[in-house]
Amino acid sequence: MNDFTYLQATQAKDATAAVRDNKDAAFIAGGTTLLDLMKLNVENHGQLVDINNLAFKGVEQTADGLRIGALERMSDVGEHPLVVQNYPVVSQSLLLAASPQLRNMASIGGNILQRTRCGYFRDTAFPCNKRAPGSGCPAQTGENRNLAILGGSQTCIATYPGDFAVALVALDAVLLLENAKGKQRRVPLVDFHVLPGTTPQRETVIEPGELIVSVTIPAAAHARKSMYLKVRDRASYAFALASAAVGLDVQGGQVRSARVALGGVGTKPWRSVAAEKVLTGAPATEATFRAAAAAAVREAQPREQNRFKVELAQNTLVRALLELSAA
């Protein structure tokens, strides 16, 4: 890790201005991802701007839905009664992630912004278009078991690794961002992360110096009846091979509304509108759920080692829908 200077910000305008005006600066809250990447020399920053004293806190029900401050810790949000009772998929996605120690440190905003665990990205001995644009993507024909089958391109198939953002995408969450001029804008979570295309180094629509202030999740019947199912190589402290965030509003055996997102299989948190269309208005049966799962992976483009994810993602989604509809 290279040397860096440290600035503790007490106001948002000071923090955002410091990062906007210094291309070598970065925000730090929990630091659970950033410090790892700096130790690996994947990221090098001359200054870290500590934002923990900013007033981006709180978990509260508002007229727009559940508002969560970006500096709340994962564990606190995952265990909060409002989240557990009214947005179970969010609670489960947080508490199934990482380890208790990391959940106690990691911030909500930082978790949304976490970067891929692709081994080629994290090892500077290898080329990587995401780390060094134009250098190549050895994952295309190399070690790609854990990588994406949805949303990839010839330049990058790195998987988005998080759980929380998958649940947020399923529930139509909206981020509030603030820049150095104090101007705020709202961005739907589904539009926040971008596909790699020909510019895999650009992972989100956030601009230099912008901060995530909060996330708001609309209240809905499918949010109250929701769940997060995560399939991984070991029972804890492992990233998803495939996961499903689902919400259902079922009345009289018919699906009135449905929300579906997949994790562990996409280059971004993967909302499946195709699966939702199959579900909405259809009977809540296994046949319907299997049809929805097939629709969810219809555009999959697996590589040699991750072909199993096509079937695994479908089975994960079907199982989640069956468990949720039976509850």
C-alpha atoms as a PDB file:
ATOM      1  CA  MET A   1       0.000   0.000   0.000  1.00  0.00           C
ATOM      2  CA  ASN A   2       1.292   3.460  -0.917  1.00  0.00           C
ATOM      3  CA  ASP A   3       1.410   6.364   1.521  1.00  0.00           C
ATOM      4  CA  PHE A   4      -1.634   8.623   1.681  1.00  0.00           C
ATOM      5  CA  THR A   5      -2.916  11.649   3.563  1.00  0.00           C
ATOM      6  CA  TYR A   6      -6.060  11.565   5.675  1.00  0.00           C
ATOM      7  CA  LEU A   7      -8.841  14.136   5.936  1.00  0.00           C
ATOM      8  CA  GLN A   8     -11.736  13.820   8.351  1.00  0.00           C
ATOM      9  CA  ALA A   9     -14.705  15.692   6.910  1.00  0.00           C
ATOM     10  CA  THR A  10     -17.455  17.158   9.075  1.00  0.00           C
ATOM     11  CA  GLN A  11     -19.602  18.580   6.283  1.00  0.00           C
ATOM     12  CA  ALA A  12     -20.711  16.984   3.042  1.00  0.00           C
ATOM     13  CA  LYS A  13     -19.605  19.977   0.942  1.00  0.00           C
ATOM     14  CA  ASP A  14     -16.044  19.675   2.250  1.00  0.00           C
ATOM     15  CA  ALA A  15     -15.899  15.946   1.563  1.00  0.00           C
ATOM     16  CA  THR A  16     -17.337  16.166  -1.943  1.00  0.00           C
ATOM     17  CA  ALA A  17     -15.135  19.131  -2.884  1.00  0.00           C
ATOM     18  CA  ALA A  18     -12.003  17.330  -1.677  1.00  0.00           C
ATOM     19  CA  VAL A  19     -12.673  14.318  -3.891  1.00  0.00           C
ATOM     20  CA  ARG A  20     -13.931  16.319  -6.846  1.00  0.00           C
ATOM     21  CA  ASP A  21     -10.806  18.489  -6.923  1.00  0.00           C
ATOM     22  CA  ASN A  22      -8.292  15.665  -6.379  1.00  0.00           C
ATOM     23  CA  LYS A  23      -8.385  12.721  -8.751  1.00  0.00           C
ATOM     24  CA  ASP A  24      -6.207  10.736  -6.348  1.00  0.00           C
ATOM     25  CA  ALA A  25      -8.665  11.133  -3.437  1.00  0.00           C
ATOM     26  CA  ALA A  26     -11.344   8.685  -2.348  1.00  0.00           C
ATOM     27  CA  PHE A  27     -14.060   8.556   0.294  1.00  0.00           C
ATOM     28  CA  ILE A  28     -13.738   6.084   3.133  1.00  0.00           C
ATOM     29  CA  ALA A  29     -16.443   4.957   5.573  1.00  0.00           C
ATOM     30  CA  GLY A  30     -16.116   1.352   6.745  1.00  0.00           C
ATOM     31  CA  GLY A  31     -13.199   0.743   4.385  1.00  0.00           C
ATOM     32  CA  THR A  32     -13.843  -2.985   4.188  1.00  0.00           C
ATOM     33  CA  THR A  33     -13.412  -3.064   0.393  1.00  0.00           C
ATOM     34  CA  LEU A  34     -11.294   0.012  -0.257  1.00  0.00           C
ATOM     35  CA  LEU A  35      -8.432  -0.921   2.049  1.00  0.00           C
ATOM     36  CA  ASP A  36      -8.253  -4.426   0.571  1.00  0.00           C
ATOM     37  CA  LEU A  37      -7.922  -2.985  -2.934  1.00  0.00           C
ATOM     38  CA  MET A  38      -5.284  -0.518  -1.806  1.00  0.00           C
ATOM     39  CA  LYS A  39      -3.247  -3.268  -0.170  1.00  0.00           C
ATOM     40  CA  LEU A  40      -3.385  -5.189  -3.465  1.00  0.00           C
ATOM     41  CA  ASN A  41      -2.385  -2.059  -5.417  1.00  0.00           C
ATOM     42  CA  VAL A  42      -5.546  -2.408  -7.458  1.00  0.00           C
ATOM     43  CA  GLU A  43      -6.467   1.087  -6.287  1.00  0.00           C
ATOM     44  CA  ASN A  44      -3.975   3.743  -5.261  1.00  0.00           C
ATOM     45  CA  HIS A  45      -5.128   6.942  -3.600  1.00  0.00           C
ATOM     46  CA  GLY A  46      -3.039   9.840  -2.361  1.00  0.00           C
ATOM     47  CA  GLN A  47      -5.747  10.984   0.041  1.00  0.00           C
ATOM     48  CA  LEU A  48      -8.578   9.323   1.929  1.00  0.00           C
ATOM     49  CA  VAL A  49     -11.523  11.474   2.980  1.00  0.00           C
ATOM     50  CA  ASP A  50     -13.264  10.054   6.050  1.00  0.00           C
ATOM     51  CA  ILE A  51     -17.026  10.688   5.824  1.00  0.00           C
ATOM     52  CA  ASN A  52     -18.146   8.906   8.986  1.00  0.00           C
ATOM     53  CA  ASN A  53     -19.029  12.191  10.743  1.00  0.00           C
ATOM     54  CA  LEU A  54     -21.498  13.242   8.058  1.00  0.00           C
ATOM     55  CA  ALA A  55     -25.202  13.201   8.894  1.00  0.00           C
ATOM     56  CA  PHE A  56     -26.115  10.404   6.480  1.00  0.00           C
ATOM     57  CA  LYS A  57     -27.689   8.227   9.165  1.00  0.00           C
ATOM     58  CA  GLY A  58     -31.060   6.877  10.221  1.00  0.00           C
ATOM     59  CA  VAL A  59     -33.589   4.199   9.331  1.00  0.00           C
ATOM     60  CA  GLU A  60     -37.119   5.564   9.123  1.00  0.00           C
ATOM     61  CA  GLN A  61     -40.452   5.035   7.416  1.00  0.00           C
ATOM     62  CA  THR A  62     -41.419   8.086   5.352  1.00  0.00           C
ATOM     63  CA  ALA A  63     -44.220   8.937   2.951  1.00  0.00           C
ATOM     64  CA  ASP A  64     -41.974   7.696   0.105  1.00  0.00           C
ATOM     65  CA  GLY A  65     -41.055   4.423   1.813  1.00  0.00           C
ATOM     66  CA  LEU A  66     -38.213   3.198   3.992  1.00  0.00           C
ATOM     67  CA  ARG A  67     -35.306   5.643   4.077  1.00  0.00           C
ATOM     68  CA  ILE A  68     -31.864   4.282   5.038  1.00  0.00           C
ATOM     69  CA  GLY A  69     -28.911   6.596   5.555  1.00  0.00           C
ATOM     70  CA  ALA A  70     -25.847   5.681   3.507  1.00  0.00           C
ATOM     71  CA  LEU A  71     -23.600   5.621   6.588  1.00  0.00           C
ATOM     72  CA  GLU A  72     -25.689   3.132   8.523  1.00  0.00           C
ATOM     73  CA  ARG A  73     -23.870  -0.164   9.121  1.00  0.00           C
ATOM     74  CA  MET A  74     -25.002  -3.354   7.421  1.00  0.00           C
ATOM     75  CA  SER A  75     -25.642  -5.218  10.666  1.00  0.00           C
ATOM     76  CA  ASP A  76     -27.733  -2.410  12.160  1.00  0.00           C
ATOM     77  CA  VAL A  77     -29.950  -2.175   9.079  1.00  0.00           C
ATOM     78  CA  GLY A  78     -30.271  -5.935   8.689  1.00  0.00           C
ATOM     79  CA  GLU A  79     -31.494  -6.267  12.272  1.00  0.00           C
ATOM     80  CA  HIS A  80     -33.700  -3.155  12.350  1.00  0.00           C
ATOM     81  CA  PRO A  81     -37.365  -4.020  13.178  1.00  0.00           C
ATOM     82  CA  LEU A  82     -38.769  -1.900  10.308  1.00  0.00           C
ATOM     83  CA  VAL A  83     -36.574  -3.755   7.828  1.00  0.00           C
ATOM     84  CA  VAL A  84     -37.170  -7.226   9.262  1.00  0.00           C
ATOM     85  CA  GLN A  85     -40.955  -6.785   9.372  1.00  0.00           C
ATOM     86  CA  ASN A  86     -41.673  -4.870   6.178  1.00  0.00           C
ATOM     87  CA  TYR A  87     -38.715  -5.625   3.874  1.00  0.00           C
ATOM     88  CA  PRO A  88     -37.498  -9.130   4.810  1.00  0.00           C
ATOM     89  CA  VAL A  89     -35.583  -9.569   1.536  1.00  0.00           C
ATOM     90  CA  VAL A  90     -33.439  -6.583   2.479  1.00  0.00           C
ATOM     91  CA  SER A  91     -32.758  -7.876   5.978  1.00  0.00           C
ATOM     92  CA  GLN A  92     -31.849 -11.330   4.695  1.00  0.00           C
ATOM     93  CA  SER A  93     -29.571  -9.999   1.956  1.00  0.00           C
ATOM     94  CA  LEU A  94     -27.597  -8.014   4.510  1.00  0.00           C
ATOM     95  CA  LEU A  95     -27.334 -10.712   7.162  1.00  0.00           C
ATOM     96  CA  LEU A  96     -26.279 -13.391   4.662  1.00  0.00           C
ATOM     97  CA  ALA A  97     -23.405 -11.235   3.427  1.00  0.00           C
ATOM     98  CA  ALA A  98     -19.745 -11.257   4.528  1.00  0.00           C
ATOM     99  CA  SER A  99     -19.061 -12.003   8.208  1.00  0.00           C
ATOM    100  CA  PRO A 100     -20.387 -10.460  11.454  1.00  0.00           C
ATOM    101  CA  GLN A 101     -17.178  -8.463  11.847  1.00  0.00           C
ATOM    102  CA  LEU A 102     -17.426  -6.995   8.345  1.00  0.00           C
ATOM    103  CA  ARG A 103     -21.158  -6.325   8.665  1.00  0.00           C
ATOM    104  CA  ASN A 104     -20.457  -4.327  11.825  1.00  0.00           C
ATOM    105  CA  MET A 105     -18.024  -2.094   9.919  1.00  0.00           C
ATOM    106  CA  ALA A 106     -19.308  -1.853   6.355  1.00  0.00           C
ATOM    107  CA  SER A 107     -21.581   1.045   5.427  1.00  0.00           C
ATOM    108  CA  ILE A 108     -24.713   0.783   3.331  1.00  0.00           C
ATOM    109  CA  GLY A 109     -23.365   3.170   0.684  1.00  0.00           C
ATOM    110  CA  GLY A 110     -20.032   1.393   0.507  1.00  0.00           C
ATOM    111  CA  ASN A 111     -21.728  -1.967   0.157  1.00  0.00           C
ATOM    112  CA  ILE A 112     -23.650  -0.755  -2.890  1.00  0.00           C
ATOM    113  CA  LEU A 113     -20.389   0.498  -4.415  1.00  0.00           C
ATOM    114  CA  GLN A 114     -18.313  -2.623  -3.762  1.00  0.00           C
ATOM    115  CA  ARG A 115     -16.213  -3.862  -6.656  1.00  0.00           C
ATOM    116  CA  THR A 116     -15.938  -7.281  -8.247  1.00  0.00           C
ATOM    117  CA  ARG A 117     -14.045 -10.223  -6.750  1.00  0.00           C
ATOM    118  CA  CYS A 118     -12.876 -11.401 -10.194  1.00  0.00           C
ATOM    119  CA  GLY A 119      -9.400 -12.810  -9.603  1.00  0.00           C
ATOM    120  CA  TYR A 120      -7.963 -11.159 -12.700  1.00  0.00           C
ATOM    121  CA  PHE A 121      -9.163  -7.752 -11.517  1.00  0.00           C
ATOM    122  CA  ARG A 122      -7.661  -8.215  -8.065  1.00  0.00           C
ATOM    123  CA  ASP A 123      -4.297  -9.567  -9.240  1.00  0.00           C
ATOM    124  CA  THR A 124      -2.187  -6.898 -10.917  1.00  0.00           C
ATOM    125  CA  ALA A 125       0.039  -9.552 -12.494  1.00  0.00           C
ATOM    126  CA  PHE A 126      -2.769 -10.135 -15.009  1.00  0.00           C
ATOM    127  CA  PRO A 127      -4.288  -7.786 -17.588  1.00  0.00           C
ATOM    128  CA  CYS A 128      -7.799  -6.541 -16.845  1.00  0.00           C
ATOM    129  CA  ASN A 129      -9.912  -4.130 -18.861  1.00  0.00           C
ATOM    130  CA  LYS A 130     -11.741  -2.998 -15.743  1.00  0.00           C
ATOM    131  CA  ARG A 131      -8.483  -2.096 -14.003  1.00  0.00           C
ATOM    132  CA  ALA A 132      -6.468  -1.047 -17.090  1.00  0.00           C
ATOM    133  CA  PRO A 133      -8.753  -0.335 -20.085  1.00  0.00           C
ATOM    134  CA  GLY A 134      -7.592  -1.959 -23.304  1.00  0.00           C
ATOM    135  CA  SER A 135      -5.292  -4.485 -21.636  1.00  0.00           C
ATOM    136  CA  GLY A 136      -7.554  -7.487 -22.211  1.00  0.00           C
ATOM    137  CA  CYS A 137      -9.885  -9.864 -20.364  1.00  0.00           C
ATOM    138  CA  PRO A 138      -8.238 -13.242 -19.662  1.00  0.00           C
ATOM    139  CA  ALA A 139     -11.416 -14.394 -17.921  1.00  0.00           C
ATOM    140  CA  GLN A 140     -13.109 -14.934 -21.288  1.00  0.00           C
ATOM    141  CA  THR A 141     -11.193 -18.189 -21.778  1.00  0.00           C
ATOM    142  CA  GLY A 142      -9.553 -18.537 -18.378  1.00  0.00           C
ATOM    143  CA  GLU A 143     -10.808 -19.014 -14.822  1.00  0.00           C
ATOM    144  CA  ASN A 144     -14.452 -17.959 -15.058  1.00  0.00           C
ATOM    145  CA  ARG A 145     -16.375 -20.336 -12.785  1.00  0.00           C
ATOM    146  CA  ASN A 146     -17.576 -17.532 -10.512  1.00  0.00           C
ATOM    147  CA  LEU A 147     -18.149 -14.946 -13.218  1.00  0.00           C
ATOM    148  CA  ALA A 148     -21.196 -13.547 -14.960  1.00  0.00           C
ATOM    149  CA  ILE A 149     -23.511 -15.235 -17.429  1.00  0.00           C
ATOM    150  CA  LEU A 150     -25.744 -12.159 -17.856  1.00  0.00           C
ATOM    151  CA  GLY A 151     -24.748  -8.685 -19.007  1.00  0.00           C
ATOM    152  CA  GLY A 152     -21.193  -9.477 -20.025  1.00  0.00           C
ATOM    153  CA  SER A 153     -19.290  -8.333 -23.091  1.00  0.00           C
ATOM    154  CA  GLN A 154     -16.074  -9.190 -24.908  1.00  0.00           C
ATOM    155  CA  THR A 155     -14.280  -6.731 -22.642  1.00  0.00           C
ATOM    156  CA  CYS A 156     -15.530  -7.966 -19.246  1.00  0.00           C
ATOM    157  CA  ILE A 157     -17.567 -10.717 -17.568  1.00  0.00           C
ATOM    158  CA  ALA A 158     -16.803  -9.763 -13.964  1.00  0.00           C
ATOM    159  CA  THR A 159     -19.673 -10.512 -11.585  1.00  0.00           C
ATOM    160  CA  TYR A 160     -21.179  -7.868  -9.343  1.00  0.00           C
ATOM    161  CA  PRO A 161     -20.515  -9.508  -5.955  1.00  0.00           C
ATOM    162  CA  GLY A 162     -23.041  -7.919  -3.592  1.00  0.00           C
ATOM    163  CA  ASP A 163     -26.292  -9.157  -2.061  1.00  0.00           C
ATOM    164  CA  PHE A 164     -27.904  -5.981  -0.711  1.00  0.00           C
ATOM    165  CA  ALA A 165     -28.079  -4.197  -4.074  1.00  0.00           C
ATOM    166  CA  VAL A 166     -29.802  -7.242  -5.592  1.00  0.00           C
ATOM    167  CA  ALA A 167     -32.591  -6.903  -3.020  1.00  0.00           C
ATOM    168  CA  LEU A 168     -32.757  -3.148  -3.633  1.00  0.00           C
ATOM    169  CA  VAL A 169     -33.085  -3.620  -7.387  1.00  0.00           C
ATOM    170  CA  ALA A 170     -35.948  -6.053  -6.852  1.00  0.00           C
ATOM    171  CA  LEU A 171     -37.851  -3.547  -4.708  1.00  0.00           C
ATOM    172  CA  ASP A 172     -37.464  -0.470  -6.958  1.00  0.00           C
ATOM    173  CA  ALA A 173     -35.147   1.345  -4.545  1.00  0.00           C
ATOM    174  CA  VAL A 174     -33.959   4.872  -5.330  1.00  0.00           C
ATOM    175  CA  LEU A 175     -30.622   6.418  -4.342  1.00  0.00           C
ATOM    176  CA  LEU A 176     -30.170  10.044  -3.320  1.00  0.00           C
ATOM    177  CA  LEU A 177     -26.807  11.456  -4.480  1.00  0.00           C
ATOM    178  CA  GLU A 178     -25.190  14.792  -3.584  1.00  0.00           C
ATOM    179  CA  ASN A 179     -22.366  16.621  -5.364  1.00  0.00           C
ATOM    180  CA  ALA A 180     -19.826  19.260  -4.287  1.00  0.00           C
ATOM    181  CA  LYS A 181     -22.257  22.096  -5.037  1.00  0.00           C
ATOM    182  CA  GLY A 182     -24.817  20.605  -2.673  1.00  0.00           C
ATOM    183  CA  LYS A 183     -27.063  19.637  -5.563  1.00  0.00           C
ATOM    184  CA  GLN A 184     -28.932  16.382  -5.070  1.00  0.00           C
ATOM    185  CA  ARG A 185     -30.350  13.950  -7.609  1.00  0.00           C
ATOM    186  CA  ARG A 186     -32.313  10.725  -7.402  1.00  0.00           C
ATOM    187  CA  VAL A 187     -31.242   7.647  -9.320  1.00  0.00           C
ATOM    188  CA  PRO A 188     -33.209   4.379  -9.417  1.00  0.00           C
ATOM    189  CA  LEU A 189     -30.936   1.597  -8.211  1.00  0.00           C
ATOM    190  CA  VAL A 190     -31.674  -0.390 -11.371  1.00  0.00           C
ATOM    191  CA  ASP A 191     -30.014   2.418 -13.379  1.00  0.00           C
ATOM    192  CA  PHE A 192     -27.128   3.084 -10.975  1.00  0.00           C
ATOM    193  CA  HIS A 193     -24.822   0.222 -11.997  1.00  0.00           C
ATOM    194  CA  VAL A 194     -23.971   0.048 -15.700  1.00  0.00           C
ATOM    195  CA  LEU A 195     -23.146  -2.831 -18.026  1.00  0.00           C
ATOM    196  CA  PRO A 196     -19.478  -3.181 -19.000  1.00  0.00           C
ATOM    197  CA  GLY A 197     -19.985  -2.843 -22.756  1.00  0.00           C
ATOM    198  CA  THR A 198     -16.786  -1.333 -24.145  1.00  0.00           C
ATOM    199  CA  THR A 199     -16.079   0.701 -20.977  1.00  0.00           C
ATOM    200  CA  PRO A 200     -15.886  -1.830 -18.109  1.00  0.00           C
ATOM    201  CA  GLN A 201     -13.856   0.620 -16.008  1.00  0.00           C
ATOM    202  CA  ARG A 202     -17.061   2.648 -15.500  1.00  0.00           C
ATOM    203  CA  GLU A 203     -19.209   0.686 -13.071  1.00  0.00           C
ATOM    204  CA  THR A 204     -21.827   3.228 -11.934  1.00  0.00           C
ATOM    205  CA  VAL A 205     -23.328   6.559 -12.962  1.00  0.00           C
ATOM    206  CA  ILE A 206     -21.863   8.316  -9.914  1.00  0.00           C
ATOM    207  CA  GLU A 207     -19.795  11.378 -10.803  1.00  0.00           C
ATOM    208  CA  PRO A 208     -16.439  12.414  -9.251  1.00  0.00           C
ATOM    209  CA  GLY A 209     -17.093  13.925  -5.845  1.00  0.00           C
ATOM    210  CA  GLU A 210     -20.672  12.644  -5.568  1.00  0.00           C
ATOM    211  CA  LEU A 211     -21.753  10.853  -2.426  1.00  0.00           C
ATOM    212  CA  ILE A 212     -24.587   8.455  -1.758  1.00  0.00           C
ATOM    213  CA  VAL A 213     -26.741  10.171   0.876  1.00  0.00           C
ATOM    214  CA  SER A 214     -29.483   7.610   1.348  1.00  0.00           C
ATOM    215  CA  VAL A 215     -31.555   4.874  -0.243  1.00  0.00           C
ATOM    216  CA  THR A 216     -35.357   4.802  -0.229  1.00  0.00           C
ATOM    217  CA  ILE A 217     -37.370   1.624  -0.733  1.00  0.00           C
ATOM    218  CA  PRO A 218     -41.065   2.029  -1.621  1.00  0.00           C
ATOM    219  CA  ALA A 219     -43.606   0.258   0.568  1.00  0.00           C
ATOM    220  CA  ALA A 220     -45.506  -2.482  -1.286  1.00  0.00           C
ATOM    221  CA  ALA A 221     -47.303  -5.751  -0.688  1.00  0.00           C
ATOM    222  CA  HIS A 222     -44.575  -7.641  -2.554  1.00  0.00           C
ATOM    223  CA  ALA A 223     -41.966  -5.983  -0.307  1.00  0.00           C
ATOM    224  CA  ARG A 224     -43.665  -7.263   2.856  1.00  0.00           C
ATOM    225  CA  LYS A 225     -43.771 -10.794   1.437  1.00  0.00           C
ATOM    226  CA  SER A 226     -40.264 -11.197   0.087  1.00  0.00           C
ATOM    227  CA  MET A 227     -37.129 -13.250   0.594  1.00  0.00           C
ATOM    228  CA  TYR A 228     -33.501 -13.596  -0.407  1.00  0.00           C
ATOM    229  CA  LEU A 229     -32.081 -17.014  -1.231  1.00  0.00           C
ATOM    230  CA  LYS A 230     -28.324 -17.361  -1.635  1.00  0.00           C
ATOM    231  CA  VAL A 231     -26.493 -20.420  -2.987  1.00  0.00           C
ATOM    232  CA  ARG A 232     -22.734 -20.562  -2.373  1.00  0.00           C
ATOM    233  CA  ASP A 233     -19.830 -22.945  -1.992  1.00  0.00           C
ATOM    234  CA  ARG A 234     -19.925 -22.829   1.800  1.00  0.00           C
ATOM    235  CA  ALA A 235     -22.534 -21.880   4.361  1.00  0.00           C
ATOM    236  CA  SER A 236     -21.002 -18.568   5.453  1.00  0.00           C
ATOM    237  CA  TYR A 237     -18.538 -15.880   4.406  1.00  0.00           C
ATOM    238  CA  ALA A 238     -18.796 -16.714   0.710  1.00  0.00           C
ATOM    239  CA  PHE A 239     -20.099 -14.854  -2.312  1.00  0.00           C
ATOM    240  CA  ALA A 240     -23.133 -16.094  -4.192  1.00  0.00           C
ATOM    241  CA  LEU A 241     -22.791 -18.508  -7.073  1.00  0.00           C
ATOM    242  CA  ALA A 242     -26.440 -17.627  -7.644  1.00  0.00           C
ATOM    243  CA  SER A 243     -28.991 -15.790  -5.567  1.00  0.00           C
ATOM    244  CA  ALA A 244     -32.595 -14.687  -5.935  1.00  0.00           C
ATOM    245  CA  ALA A 245     -34.370 -11.700  -4.418  1.00  0.00           C
ATOM    246  CA  VAL A 246     -38.100 -12.171  -4.871  1.00  0.00           C
ATOM    247  CA  GLY A 247     -41.282 -10.475  -3.745  1.00  0.00           C
ATOM    248  CA  LEU A 248     -44.817 -11.718  -4.354  1.00  0.00           C
ATOM    249  CA  ASP A 249     -48.328 -10.417  -3.796  1.00  0.00           C
ATOM    250  CA  VAL A 250     -50.592 -13.440  -4.222  1.00  0.00           C
ATOM    251  CA  GLN A 251     -54.360 -13.206  -3.890  1.00  0.00           C
ATOM    252  CA  GLY A 252     -56.662 -16.185  -4.434  1.00  0.00           C
ATOM    253  CA  GLY A 253     -53.845 -18.252  -5.871  1.00  0.00           C
ATOM    254  CA  GLN A 254     -53.021 -15.620  -8.524  1.00  0.00           C
ATOM    255  CA  VAL A 255     -49.903 -13.467  -8.587  1.00  0.00           C
ATOM    256  CA  ARG A 256     -51.018  -9.830  -8.450  1.00  0.00           C
ATOM    257  CA  SER A 257     -47.508  -8.382  -8.468  1.00  0.00           C
ATOM    258  CA  ALA A 258     -44.016  -9.829  -8.510  1.00  0.00           C
ATOM    259  CA  ARG A 259     -40.453  -8.607  -8.225  1.00  0.00           C
ATOM    260  CA  VAL A 260     -37.430 -10.674  -9.254  1.00  0.00           C
ATOM    261  CA  ALA A 261     -33.707  -9.972  -9.190  1.00  0.00           C
ATOM    262  CA  LEU A 262     -30.742 -12.309  -9.484  1.00  0.00           C
ATOM    263  CA  GLY A 263     -27.306 -12.096  -7.899  1.00  0.00           C
ATOM    264  CA  GLY A 264     -24.040 -13.915  -8.527  1.00  0.00           C
ATOM    265  CA  VAL A 265     -24.807 -14.253 -12.237  1.00  0.00           C
ATOM    266  CA  GLY A 266     -24.790 -10.709 -13.629  1.00  0.00           C
ATOM    267  CA  THR A 267     -22.265  -7.974 -14.263  1.00  0.00           C
ATOM    268  CA  LYS A 268     -24.635  -5.756 -12.243  1.00  0.00           C
ATOM    269  CA  PRO A 269     -27.503  -6.495  -9.836  1.00  0.00           C
ATOM    270  CA  TRP A 270     -29.821  -8.229 -12.289  1.00  0.00           C
ATOM    271  CA  ARG A 271     -33.500  -7.233 -12.319  1.00  0.00           C
ATOM    272  CA  SER A 272     -35.536  -9.670 -14.406  1.00  0.00           C
ATOM    273  CA  VAL A 273     -38.534  -7.895 -15.877  1.00  0.00           C
ATOM    274  CA  ALA A 274     -39.003 -10.917 -18.166  1.00  0.00           C
ATOM    275  CA  ALA A 275     -39.567 -13.205 -15.179  1.00  0.00           C
ATOM    276  CA  GLU A 276     -41.930 -10.686 -13.582  1.00  0.00           C
ATOM    277  CA  LYS A 277     -44.056 -10.557 -16.741  1.00  0.00           C
ATOM    278  CA  VAL A 278     -44.439 -14.331 -16.692  1.00  0.00           C
ATOM    279  CA  LEU A 279     -45.458 -14.269 -13.030  1.00  0.00           C
ATOM    280  CA  THR A 280     -47.861 -11.328 -12.979  1.00  0.00           C
ATOM    281  CA  GLY A 281     -51.464 -12.454 -13.428  1.00  0.00           C
ATOM    282  CA  ALA A 282     -50.524 -16.137 -13.552  1.00  0.00           C
ATOM    283  CA  PRO A 283     -51.348 -18.863 -11.022  1.00  0.00           C
ATOM    284  CA  ALA A 284     -48.816 -19.239  -8.224  1.00  0.00           C
ATOM    285  CA  THR A 285     -47.752 -22.734  -9.250  1.00  0.00           C
ATOM    286  CA  GLU A 286     -44.459 -24.519  -9.811  1.00  0.00           C
ATOM    287  CA  ALA A 287     -45.130 -24.571 -13.543  1.00  0.00           C
ATOM    288  CA  THR A 288     -45.449 -20.785 -13.574  1.00  0.00           C
ATOM    289  CA  PHE A 289     -42.335 -20.393 -11.471  1.00  0.00           C
ATOM    290  CA  ARG A 290     -40.303 -22.611 -13.791  1.00  0.00           C
ATOM    291  CA  ALA A 291     -41.487 -20.636 -16.800  1.00  0.00           C
ATOM    292  CA  ALA A 292     -40.438 -17.428 -15.055  1.00  0.00           C
ATOM    293  CA  ALA A 293     -37.027 -18.893 -14.225  1.00  0.00           C
ATOM    294  CA  ALA A 294     -36.484 -19.900 -17.840  1.00  0.00           C
ATOM    295  CA  ALA A 295     -37.336 -16.360 -18.927  1.00  0.00           C
ATOM    296  CA  ALA A 296     -34.881 -14.925 -16.406  1.00  0.00           C
ATOM    297  CA  VAL A 297     -31.877 -16.639 -18.002  1.00  0.00           C
ATOM    298  CA  ARG A 298     -33.002 -16.657 -21.618  1.00  0.00           C
ATOM    299  CA  GLU A 299     -30.267 -14.178 -22.591  1.00  0.00           C
ATOM    300  CA  ALA A 300     -27.504 -15.910 -20.634  1.00  0.00           C
ATOM    301  CA  GLN A 301     -24.122 -16.234 -22.349  1.00  0.00           C
ATOM    302  CA  PRO A 302     -22.112 -18.647 -20.208  1.00  0.00           C
ATOM    303  CA  ARG A 303     -18.454 -19.510 -20.667  1.00  0.00           C
ATOM    304  CA  GLU A 304     -16.894 -22.933 -20.309  1.00  0.00           C
ATOM    305  CA  GLN A 305     -16.571 -23.091 -16.534  1.00  0.00           C
ATOM    306  CA  ASN A 306     -19.747 -21.262 -15.504  1.00  0.00           C
ATOM    307  CA  ARG A 307     -22.340 -23.005 -17.659  1.00  0.00           C
ATOM    308  CA  PHE A 308     -23.711 -24.649 -14.525  1.00  0.00           C
ATOM    309  CA  LYS A 309     -24.957 -21.232 -13.408  1.00  0.00           C
ATOM    310  CA  VAL A 310     -27.722 -21.268 -16.028  1.00  0.00           C
ATOM    311  CA  GLU A 311     -29.426 -24.204 -14.342  1.00  0.00           C
ATOM    312  CA  LEU A 312     -28.392 -23.131 -10.848  1.00  0.00           C
ATOM    313  CA  ALA A 313     -29.925 -19.668 -11.263  1.00  0.00           C
ATOM    314  CA  GLN A 314     -33.190 -21.192 -12.459  1.00  0.00           C
ATOM    315  CA  ASN A 315     -33.352 -23.681  -9.609  1.00  0.00           C
ATOM    316  CA  THR A 316     -32.522 -20.975  -7.083  1.00  0.00           C
ATOM    317  CA  LEU A 317     -35.299 -18.739  -8.354  1.00  0.00           C
ATOM    318  CA  VAL A 318     -37.867 -21.558  -8.454  1.00  0.00           C
ATOM    319  CA  ARG A 319     -36.983 -22.621  -4.930  1.00  0.00           C
ATOM    320  CA  ALA A 320     -37.293 -19.065  -3.641  1.00  0.00           C
ATOM    321  CA  LEU A 321     -40.676 -18.595  -5.290  1.00  0.00           C
ATOM    322  CA  LEU A 322     -41.961 -21.935  -3.975  1.00  0.00           C
ATOM    323  CA  GLU A 323     -40.836 -21.184  -0.434  1.00  0.00           C
ATOM    324  CA  LEU A 324     -42.278 -17.698  -0.527  1.00  0.00           C
ATOM    325  CA  SER A 325     -45.637 -18.738  -1.964  1.00  0.00           C
ATOM    326  CA  ALA A 326     -45.954 -21.507   0.628  1.00  0.00           C
ATOM    327  CA  ALA A 327     -45.192 -19.214   3.578  1.00  0.00           C
END
